[in-house]
Amino acid sequence: MRWLPIVPATAGLVIASGVLTAASAAMQSYQQCADYAKADAQGAYNQALAWHSAGGGVAAEHCEALALSQLRRYTEAAPLLDTLAQQNSLRSADRAQLFDQAGNTWLLAEDPYRANVSFSNALALSPGDVELLADRSRARAMSKDWSGADADLSAALLRDANRADLLVLRASARHAAGRKAEARADIDQALNVYPNYGDALVERGAMKFEDGDAKGANADWQMVIKLAPNSRAAALANEYLTETEAN
């Protein structure tokens, strides 16, 4: 059984317009830098540094963090985002967003402990936010804090009971913690909410295989590949099929 991390790519970091308090020209410069980062991350980083030196402020620093993330220099991008989020001059909602981006960048850096701190700071500013709770659950799962992951996902599901993706994540956490009956119930509920949901079928297949039902497991994994052959779930289903056939 694998935990299914779903980490938003920092290549798509976009800061809320409220953070960009400079003139519209600066906003345009930020957007230009963000677009540039997708084509030439190093060039965008150099541009962001120059813009920062010229007084570009938060927008320039955020663009710098985006470019660093594109360059996969996550251990440099994440603390920069954390520092930006600590600025009390920003709105609470914007600070929470920056802490969330920092947390996801720490996950990409494979540092779940610092990610947990960033996500907790975000939740302190935006208590009960479903997406923030889901993000922190991934950090806790990465450090094998299954009870913490379960608690965050349960809190999120209290606010949105029909999130099939969160049900699958909680099933993974509960299964890892040895709570197999509850894990299977979460998978069944996810498939009730979203029939033929790929991630749920992948997990159900893993549970079936563990219980000795190789035929049923293969059927679930093959269905995922048939329904969405180019999806992340299909790639994972293929991995399971390859591993189980090899054994």
C-alpha atoms as a PDB file:
ATOM      1  CA  MET A   1       0.000   0.000   0.000  1.00  0.00           C
ATOM      2  CA  ARG A   2       1.356   3.385  -0.991  1.00  0.00           C
ATOM      3  CA  TRP A   3       0.434   6.785   0.367  1.00  0.00           C
ATOM      4  CA  LEU A   4      -0.769   8.835  -2.577  1.00  0.00           C
ATOM      5  CA  PRO A   5       0.843  12.274  -2.288  1.00  0.00           C
ATOM      6  CA  ILE A   6      -0.711  14.979  -4.395  1.00  0.00           C
ATOM      7  CA  VAL A   7       1.631  17.923  -4.209  1.00  0.00           C
ATOM      8  CA  PRO A   8       0.752  20.995  -6.262  1.00  0.00           C
ATOM      9  CA  ALA A   9       3.648  21.855  -8.557  1.00  0.00           C
ATOM     10  CA  THR A  10       5.346  25.069  -7.533  1.00  0.00           C
ATOM     11  CA  ALA A  11       5.842  25.771 -11.216  1.00  0.00           C
ATOM     12  CA  GLY A  12       2.318  27.120 -11.032  1.00  0.00           C
ATOM     13  CA  LEU A  13       2.791  29.436  -8.067  1.00  0.00           C
ATOM     14  CA  VAL A  14       0.520  32.415  -8.456  1.00  0.00           C
ATOM     15  CA  ILE A  15       0.160  34.921  -5.676  1.00  0.00           C
ATOM     16  CA  ALA A  16      -3.132  36.647  -4.956  1.00  0.00           C
ATOM     17  CA  SER A  17      -3.403  40.106  -6.462  1.00  0.00           C
ATOM     18  CA  GLY A  18      -3.858  41.581  -3.002  1.00  0.00           C
ATOM     19  CA  VAL A  19      -0.216  40.868  -2.203  1.00  0.00           C
ATOM     20  CA  LEU A  20       0.949  42.903  -5.147  1.00  0.00           C
ATOM     21  CA  THR A  21       0.390  46.362  -3.764  1.00  0.00           C
ATOM     22  CA  ALA A  22       2.703  48.078  -6.236  1.00  0.00           C
ATOM     23  CA  ALA A  23       1.554  49.921  -9.331  1.00  0.00           C
ATOM     24  CA  SER A  24      -0.036  48.101 -12.249  1.00  0.00           C
ATOM     25  CA  ALA A  25       3.259  48.275 -14.135  1.00  0.00           C
ATOM     26  CA  ALA A  26       4.880  46.229 -11.362  1.00  0.00           C
ATOM     27  CA  MET A  27       2.026  43.741 -11.593  1.00  0.00           C
ATOM     28  CA  GLN A  28       2.692  43.414 -15.288  1.00  0.00           C
ATOM     29  CA  SER A  29       6.380  42.914 -14.545  1.00  0.00           C
ATOM     30  CA  TYR A  30       5.495  40.137 -12.094  1.00  0.00           C
ATOM     31  CA  GLN A  31       3.332  38.411 -14.686  1.00  0.00           C
ATOM     32  CA  GLN A  32       6.079  38.796 -17.266  1.00  0.00           C
ATOM     33  CA  CYS A  33       8.551  37.258 -14.827  1.00  0.00           C
ATOM     34  CA  ALA A  34       6.156  34.402 -14.021  1.00  0.00           C
ATOM     35  CA  ASP A  35       5.633  33.668 -17.706  1.00  0.00           C
ATOM     36  CA  TYR A  36       9.356  33.953 -18.364  1.00  0.00           C
ATOM     37  CA  ALA A  37      10.116  31.420 -15.611  1.00  0.00           C
ATOM     38  CA  LYS A  38       8.292  28.716 -17.544  1.00  0.00           C
ATOM     39  CA  ALA A  39      10.541  29.192 -20.573  1.00  0.00           C
ATOM     40  CA  ASP A  40      13.819  30.240 -18.960  1.00  0.00           C
ATOM     41  CA  ALA A  41      13.954  29.761 -15.199  1.00  0.00           C
ATOM     42  CA  GLN A  42      17.528  31.006 -14.845  1.00  0.00           C
ATOM     43  CA  GLY A  43      16.770  34.111 -16.865  1.00  0.00           C
ATOM     44  CA  ALA A  44      13.679  34.758 -14.752  1.00  0.00           C
ATOM     45  CA  TYR A  45      15.722  34.346 -11.583  1.00  0.00           C
ATOM     46  CA  ASN A  46      18.281  36.883 -12.786  1.00  0.00           C
ATOM     47  CA  GLN A  47      15.472  39.261 -13.730  1.00  0.00           C
ATOM     48  CA  ALA A  48      13.823  38.828 -10.323  1.00  0.00           C
ATOM     49  CA  LEU A  49      17.088  39.638  -8.525  1.00  0.00           C
ATOM     50  CA  ALA A  50      17.520  42.798 -10.579  1.00  0.00           C
ATOM     51  CA  TRP A  51      13.902  43.764  -9.998  1.00  0.00           C
ATOM     52  CA  HIS A  52      14.321  43.156  -6.252  1.00  0.00           C
ATOM     53  CA  SER A  53      17.445  45.356  -6.164  1.00  0.00           C
ATOM     54  CA  ALA A  54      15.477  48.087  -7.930  1.00  0.00           C
ATOM     55  CA  GLY A  55      12.824  48.050  -5.202  1.00  0.00           C
ATOM     56  CA  GLY A  56      10.406  45.455  -6.566  1.00  0.00           C
ATOM     57  CA  GLY A  57       9.405  44.403  -3.059  1.00  0.00           C
ATOM     58  CA  VAL A  58       7.166  41.412  -2.375  1.00  0.00           C
ATOM     59  CA  ALA A  59       6.284  40.830  -6.014  1.00  0.00           C
ATOM     60  CA  ALA A  60       9.944  40.610  -6.998  1.00  0.00           C
ATOM     61  CA  GLU A  61      10.808  38.298  -4.116  1.00  0.00           C
ATOM     62  CA  HIS A  62       7.876  36.051  -4.917  1.00  0.00           C
ATOM     63  CA  CYS A  63       8.976  35.898  -8.538  1.00  0.00           C
ATOM     64  CA  GLU A  64      12.446  34.982  -7.300  1.00  0.00           C
ATOM     65  CA  ALA A  65      10.946  32.105  -5.291  1.00  0.00           C
ATOM     66  CA  LEU A  66       8.981  30.931  -8.313  1.00  0.00           C
ATOM     67  CA  ALA A  67      12.102  30.903 -10.481  1.00  0.00           C
ATOM     68  CA  LEU A  68      14.059  29.035  -7.807  1.00  0.00           C
ATOM     69  CA  SER A  69      11.290  26.433  -7.686  1.00  0.00           C
ATOM     70  CA  GLN A  70      11.414  26.077 -11.454  1.00  0.00           C
ATOM     71  CA  LEU A  71      15.147  25.493 -11.099  1.00  0.00           C
ATOM     72  CA  ARG A  72      14.349  22.831  -8.470  1.00  0.00           C
ATOM     73  CA  ARG A  73      16.274  24.805  -5.873  1.00  0.00           C
ATOM     74  CA  TYR A  74      13.560  24.040  -3.370  1.00  0.00           C
ATOM     75  CA  THR A  75      15.637  24.500  -0.227  1.00  0.00           C
ATOM     76  CA  GLU A  76      16.242  28.104  -1.290  1.00  0.00           C
ATOM     77  CA  ALA A  77      12.721  28.819  -2.517  1.00  0.00           C
ATOM     78  CA  ALA A  78      10.899  27.479   0.544  1.00  0.00           C
ATOM     79  CA  PRO A  79      12.544  29.669   3.232  1.00  0.00           C
ATOM     80  CA  LEU A  80      12.106  32.704   0.982  1.00  0.00           C
ATOM     81  CA  LEU A  81       8.379  32.000   0.819  1.00  0.00           C
ATOM     82  CA  ASP A  82       8.261  31.485   4.594  1.00  0.00           C
ATOM     83  CA  THR A  83       9.995  34.827   5.106  1.00  0.00           C
ATOM     84  CA  LEU A  84       7.593  36.599   2.780  1.00  0.00           C
ATOM     85  CA  ALA A  85       4.650  35.068   4.651  1.00  0.00           C
ATOM     86  CA  GLN A  86       5.875  36.530   7.945  1.00  0.00           C
ATOM     87  CA  GLN A  87       5.336  40.097   6.748  1.00  0.00           C
ATOM     88  CA  ASN A  88       2.546  41.545   8.866  1.00  0.00           C
ATOM     89  CA  SER A  89       1.900  44.234   6.263  1.00  0.00           C
ATOM     90  CA  LEU A  90       0.238  41.604   4.065  1.00  0.00           C
ATOM     91  CA  ARG A  91      -3.338  40.449   4.425  1.00  0.00           C
ATOM     92  CA  SER A  92      -3.861  37.312   6.495  1.00  0.00           C
ATOM     93  CA  ALA A  93      -5.281  35.465   3.493  1.00  0.00           C
ATOM     94  CA  ASP A  94      -2.194  36.293   1.424  1.00  0.00           C
ATOM     95  CA  ARG A  95       0.155  35.292   4.219  1.00  0.00           C
ATOM     96  CA  ALA A  96      -1.674  31.963   4.540  1.00  0.00           C
ATOM     97  CA  GLN A  97      -1.275  31.405   0.813  1.00  0.00           C
ATOM     98  CA  LEU A  98       2.453  32.105   0.992  1.00  0.00           C
ATOM     99  CA  PHE A  99       2.887  29.738   3.944  1.00  0.00           C
ATOM    100  CA  ASP A 100       0.983  27.099   1.979  1.00  0.00           C
ATOM    101  CA  GLN A 101       3.275  27.578  -1.019  1.00  0.00           C
ATOM    102  CA  ALA A 102       6.271  27.323   1.298  1.00  0.00           C
ATOM    103  CA  GLY A 103       4.910  24.082   2.729  1.00  0.00           C
ATOM    104  CA  ASN A 104       4.439  22.540  -0.688  1.00  0.00           C
ATOM    105  CA  THR A 105       7.937  23.613  -1.668  1.00  0.00           C
ATOM    106  CA  TRP A 106       9.343  21.981   1.466  1.00  0.00           C
ATOM    107  CA  LEU A 107       7.518  18.797   0.422  1.00  0.00           C
ATOM    108  CA  LEU A 108       9.267  18.945  -2.933  1.00  0.00           C
ATOM    109  CA  ALA A 109      12.504  19.342  -0.986  1.00  0.00           C
ATOM    110  CA  GLU A 110      11.505  16.163   0.899  1.00  0.00           C
ATOM    111  CA  ASP A 111      11.497  17.973   4.228  1.00  0.00           C
ATOM    112  CA  PRO A 112       8.122  17.111   5.780  1.00  0.00           C
ATOM    113  CA  TYR A 113       9.013  18.564   9.175  1.00  0.00           C
ATOM    114  CA  ARG A 114       9.530  22.086   7.856  1.00  0.00           C
ATOM    115  CA  ALA A 115       6.515  21.599   5.578  1.00  0.00           C
ATOM    116  CA  ASN A 116       4.410  20.792   8.631  1.00  0.00           C
ATOM    117  CA  VAL A 117       5.526  24.033  10.297  1.00  0.00           C
ATOM    118  CA  SER A 118       4.650  26.094   7.222  1.00  0.00           C
ATOM    119  CA  PHE A 119       1.240  24.474   6.835  1.00  0.00           C
ATOM    120  CA  SER A 120       0.534  24.922  10.553  1.00  0.00           C
ATOM    121  CA  ASN A 121       1.382  28.624  10.228  1.00  0.00           C
ATOM    122  CA  ALA A 122      -1.016  28.847   7.297  1.00  0.00           C
ATOM    123  CA  LEU A 123      -3.772  27.156   9.301  1.00  0.00           C
ATOM    124  CA  ALA A 124      -3.210  29.554  12.197  1.00  0.00           C
ATOM    125  CA  LEU A 125      -4.133  32.337   9.777  1.00  0.00           C
ATOM    126  CA  SER A 126      -6.929  30.414   8.056  1.00  0.00           C
ATOM    127  CA  PRO A 127      -8.343  27.891  10.558  1.00  0.00           C
ATOM    128  CA  GLY A 128     -10.284  24.971   9.159  1.00  0.00           C
ATOM    129  CA  ASP A 129      -9.274  25.559   5.545  1.00  0.00           C
ATOM    130  CA  VAL A 130      -9.899  22.247   3.780  1.00  0.00           C
ATOM    131  CA  GLU A 131      -7.027  22.529   1.295  1.00  0.00           C
ATOM    132  CA  LEU A 132      -4.553  23.545   3.988  1.00  0.00           C
ATOM    133  CA  LEU A 133      -5.612  20.612   6.158  1.00  0.00           C
ATOM    134  CA  ALA A 134      -5.167  18.282   3.182  1.00  0.00           C
ATOM    135  CA  ASP A 135      -1.728  19.723   2.475  1.00  0.00           C
ATOM    136  CA  ARG A 136      -0.602  19.338   6.077  1.00  0.00           C
ATOM    137  CA  SER A 137      -1.860  15.751   6.077  1.00  0.00           C
ATOM    138  CA  ARG A 138       0.580  14.999   3.265  1.00  0.00           C
ATOM    139  CA  ALA A 139       3.462  16.433   5.260  1.00  0.00           C
ATOM    140  CA  ARG A 140       2.472  14.333   8.257  1.00  0.00           C
ATOM    141  CA  ALA A 141       2.110  11.224   6.117  1.00  0.00           C
ATOM    142  CA  MET A 142       5.544  11.795   4.598  1.00  0.00           C
ATOM    143  CA  SER A 143       6.985  11.651   8.126  1.00  0.00           C
ATOM    144  CA  LYS A 144       4.777   8.592   8.879  1.00  0.00           C
ATOM    145  CA  ASP A 145       2.632  10.497  11.371  1.00  0.00           C
ATOM    146  CA  TRP A 146      -0.440   8.525  10.360  1.00  0.00           C
ATOM    147  CA  SER A 147      -2.597   9.665  13.271  1.00  0.00           C
ATOM    148  CA  GLY A 148      -1.802  13.296  12.501  1.00  0.00           C
ATOM    149  CA  ALA A 149      -2.612  12.799   8.830  1.00  0.00           C
ATOM    150  CA  ASP A 150      -5.856  11.071   9.777  1.00  0.00           C
ATOM    151  CA  ALA A 151      -6.804  13.912  12.129  1.00  0.00           C
ATOM    152  CA  ASP A 152      -6.249  16.565   9.460  1.00  0.00           C
ATOM    153  CA  LEU A 153      -8.174  14.643   6.807  1.00  0.00           C
ATOM    154  CA  SER A 154     -11.017  13.912   9.214  1.00  0.00           C
ATOM    155  CA  ALA A 155     -11.255  17.621  10.041  1.00  0.00           C
ATOM    156  CA  ALA A 156     -11.304  18.450   6.332  1.00  0.00           C
ATOM    157  CA  LEU A 157     -13.984  15.842   5.626  1.00  0.00           C
ATOM    158  CA  LEU A 158     -16.169  17.268   8.380  1.00  0.00           C
ATOM    159  CA  ARG A 159     -16.308  20.420   6.261  1.00  0.00           C
ATOM    160  CA  ASP A 160     -16.629  18.665   2.893  1.00  0.00           C
ATOM    161  CA  ALA A 161     -17.783  15.062   3.294  1.00  0.00           C
ATOM    162  CA  ASN A 162     -17.946  14.371  -0.446  1.00  0.00           C
ATOM    163  CA  ARG A 163     -14.280  14.891  -1.278  1.00  0.00           C
ATOM    164  CA  ALA A 164     -13.366  11.538  -2.825  1.00  0.00           C
ATOM    165  CA  ASP A 165      -9.696  12.507  -3.038  1.00  0.00           C
ATOM    166  CA  LEU A 166      -9.524  13.172   0.694  1.00  0.00           C
ATOM    167  CA  LEU A 167     -11.332   9.924   1.467  1.00  0.00           C
ATOM    168  CA  VAL A 168      -8.680   8.033  -0.503  1.00  0.00           C
ATOM    169  CA  LEU A 169      -5.873   9.839   1.310  1.00  0.00           C
ATOM    170  CA  ARG A 170      -7.449   9.053   4.679  1.00  0.00           C
ATOM    171  CA  ALA A 171      -7.870   5.431   3.618  1.00  0.00           C
ATOM    172  CA  SER A 172      -4.143   5.297   2.865  1.00  0.00           C
ATOM    173  CA  ALA A 173      -3.289   6.778   6.257  1.00  0.00           C
ATOM    174  CA  ARG A 174      -5.654   4.467   8.109  1.00  0.00           C
ATOM    175  CA  HIS A 175      -4.400   1.420   6.258  1.00  0.00           C
ATOM    176  CA  ALA A 176      -0.803   2.345   7.096  1.00  0.00           C
ATOM    177  CA  ALA A 177      -1.852   2.648  10.744  1.00  0.00           C
ATOM    178  CA  GLY A 178      -3.391  -0.836  10.653  1.00  0.00           C
ATOM    179  CA  ARG A 179      -7.016   0.334  10.647  1.00  0.00           C
ATOM    180  CA  LYS A 180      -7.918  -1.748   7.618  1.00  0.00           C
ATOM    181  CA  ALA A 181     -11.698  -1.942   8.041  1.00  0.00           C
ATOM    182  CA  GLU A 182     -11.964   1.830   8.316  1.00  0.00           C
ATOM    183  CA  ALA A 183      -9.636   2.244   5.339  1.00  0.00           C
ATOM    184  CA  ARG A 184     -11.828   0.001   3.202  1.00  0.00           C
ATOM    185  CA  ALA A 185     -14.926   1.944   4.315  1.00  0.00           C
ATOM    186  CA  ASP A 186     -13.280   5.178   3.142  1.00  0.00           C
ATOM    187  CA  ILE A 187     -12.515   3.620  -0.249  1.00  0.00           C
ATOM    188  CA  ASP A 188     -16.094   2.380  -0.579  1.00  0.00           C
ATOM    189  CA  GLN A 189     -17.379   5.853   0.287  1.00  0.00           C
ATOM    190  CA  ALA A 190     -15.023   7.485  -2.227  1.00  0.00           C
ATOM    191  CA  LEU A 191     -16.331   5.198  -4.963  1.00  0.00           C
ATOM    192  CA  ASN A 192     -19.885   5.917  -3.888  1.00  0.00           C
ATOM    193  CA  VAL A 193     -19.221   9.639  -4.290  1.00  0.00           C
ATOM    194  CA  TYR A 194     -17.193   9.258  -7.485  1.00  0.00           C
ATOM    195  CA  PRO A 195     -17.761   5.917  -9.252  1.00  0.00           C
ATOM    196  CA  ASN A 196     -14.716   4.536 -11.080  1.00  0.00           C
ATOM    197  CA  TYR A 197     -12.438   7.078  -9.381  1.00  0.00           C
ATOM    198  CA  GLY A 198      -8.942   6.004 -10.417  1.00  0.00           C
ATOM    199  CA  ASP A 199      -7.104   6.677  -7.155  1.00  0.00           C
ATOM    200  CA  ALA A 200      -9.771   4.790  -5.188  1.00  0.00           C
ATOM    201  CA  LEU A 201      -9.611   1.811  -7.548  1.00  0.00           C
ATOM    202  CA  VAL A 202      -5.815   1.705  -7.265  1.00  0.00           C
ATOM    203  CA  GLU A 203      -6.034   1.635  -3.476  1.00  0.00           C
ATOM    204  CA  ARG A 204      -8.849  -0.902  -3.458  1.00  0.00           C
ATOM    205  CA  GLY A 205      -6.765  -3.112  -5.710  1.00  0.00           C
ATOM    206  CA  ALA A 206      -3.837  -2.893  -3.289  1.00  0.00           C
ATOM    207  CA  MET A 207      -6.114  -3.864  -0.419  1.00  0.00           C
ATOM    208  CA  LYS A 208      -7.518  -6.818  -2.358  1.00  0.00           C
ATOM    209  CA  PHE A 209      -4.048  -8.040  -3.266  1.00  0.00           C
ATOM    210  CA  GLU A 210      -2.938  -7.826   0.352  1.00  0.00           C
ATOM    211  CA  ASP A 211      -5.971  -9.919   1.325  1.00  0.00           C
ATOM    212  CA  GLY A 212      -5.040 -12.599  -1.205  1.00  0.00           C
ATOM    213  CA  ASP A 213      -7.452 -11.596  -3.961  1.00  0.00           C
ATOM    214  CA  ALA A 214      -4.963 -11.173  -6.813  1.00  0.00           C
ATOM    215  CA  LYS A 215      -7.656 -11.561  -9.466  1.00  0.00           C
ATOM    216  CA  GLY A 216      -9.787  -8.804  -7.964  1.00  0.00           C
ATOM    217  CA  ALA A 217      -6.755  -6.553  -7.538  1.00  0.00           C
ATOM    218  CA  ASN A 218      -5.743  -6.974 -11.164  1.00  0.00           C
ATOM    219  CA  ALA A 219      -9.284  -6.222 -12.296  1.00  0.00           C
ATOM    220  CA  ASP A 220      -9.274  -2.901 -10.385  1.00  0.00           C
ATOM    221  CA  TRP A 221      -5.874  -1.863 -11.720  1.00  0.00           C
ATOM    222  CA  GLN A 222      -6.706  -2.819 -15.284  1.00  0.00           C
ATOM    223  CA  MET A 223      -9.942  -0.839 -15.075  1.00  0.00           C
ATOM    224  CA  VAL A 224      -7.985   2.274 -14.092  1.00  0.00           C
ATOM    225  CA  ILE A 225      -5.701   1.852 -17.093  1.00  0.00           C
ATOM    226  CA  LYS A 226      -8.664   1.304 -19.394  1.00  0.00           C
ATOM    227  CA  LEU A 227     -10.631   4.317 -18.147  1.00  0.00           C
ATOM    228  CA  ALA A 228      -7.777   6.848 -17.937  1.00  0.00           C
ATOM    229  CA  PRO A 229      -4.639   5.409 -19.567  1.00  0.00           C
ATOM    230  CA  ASN A 230      -2.629   8.642 -19.349  1.00  0.00           C
ATOM    231  CA  SER A 231      -3.451   9.472 -15.736  1.00  0.00           C
ATOM    232  CA  ARG A 232      -1.207   9.396 -12.685  1.00  0.00           C
ATOM    233  CA  ALA A 233      -3.475   6.696 -11.244  1.00  0.00           C
ATOM    234  CA  ALA A 234      -2.952   4.549 -14.344  1.00  0.00           C
ATOM    235  CA  ALA A 235       0.816   4.905 -13.988  1.00  0.00           C
ATOM    236  CA  LEU A 236       0.579   3.696 -10.391  1.00  0.00           C
ATOM    237  CA  ALA A 237      -1.740   0.847 -11.420  1.00  0.00           C
ATOM    238  CA  ASN A 238       0.853  -0.213 -13.988  1.00  0.00           C
ATOM    239  CA  GLU A 239       3.521  -0.201 -11.282  1.00  0.00           C
ATOM    240  CA  TYR A 240       1.402  -2.455  -9.091  1.00  0.00           C
ATOM    241  CA  LEU A 241       0.715  -4.837 -11.976  1.00  0.00           C
ATOM    242  CA  THR A 242       4.414  -5.040 -12.831  1.00  0.00           C
ATOM    243  CA  GLU A 243       5.440  -5.619  -9.212  1.00  0.00           C
ATOM    244  CA  THR A 244       2.812  -8.255  -8.492  1.00  0.00           C
ATOM    245  CA  GLU A 245       3.467 -10.136 -11.722  1.00  0.00           C
ATOM    246  CA  ALA A 246       7.182 -10.173 -10.918  1.00  0.00           C
ATOM    247  CA  ASN A 247       6.397 -11.794  -7.572  1.00  0.00           C
END
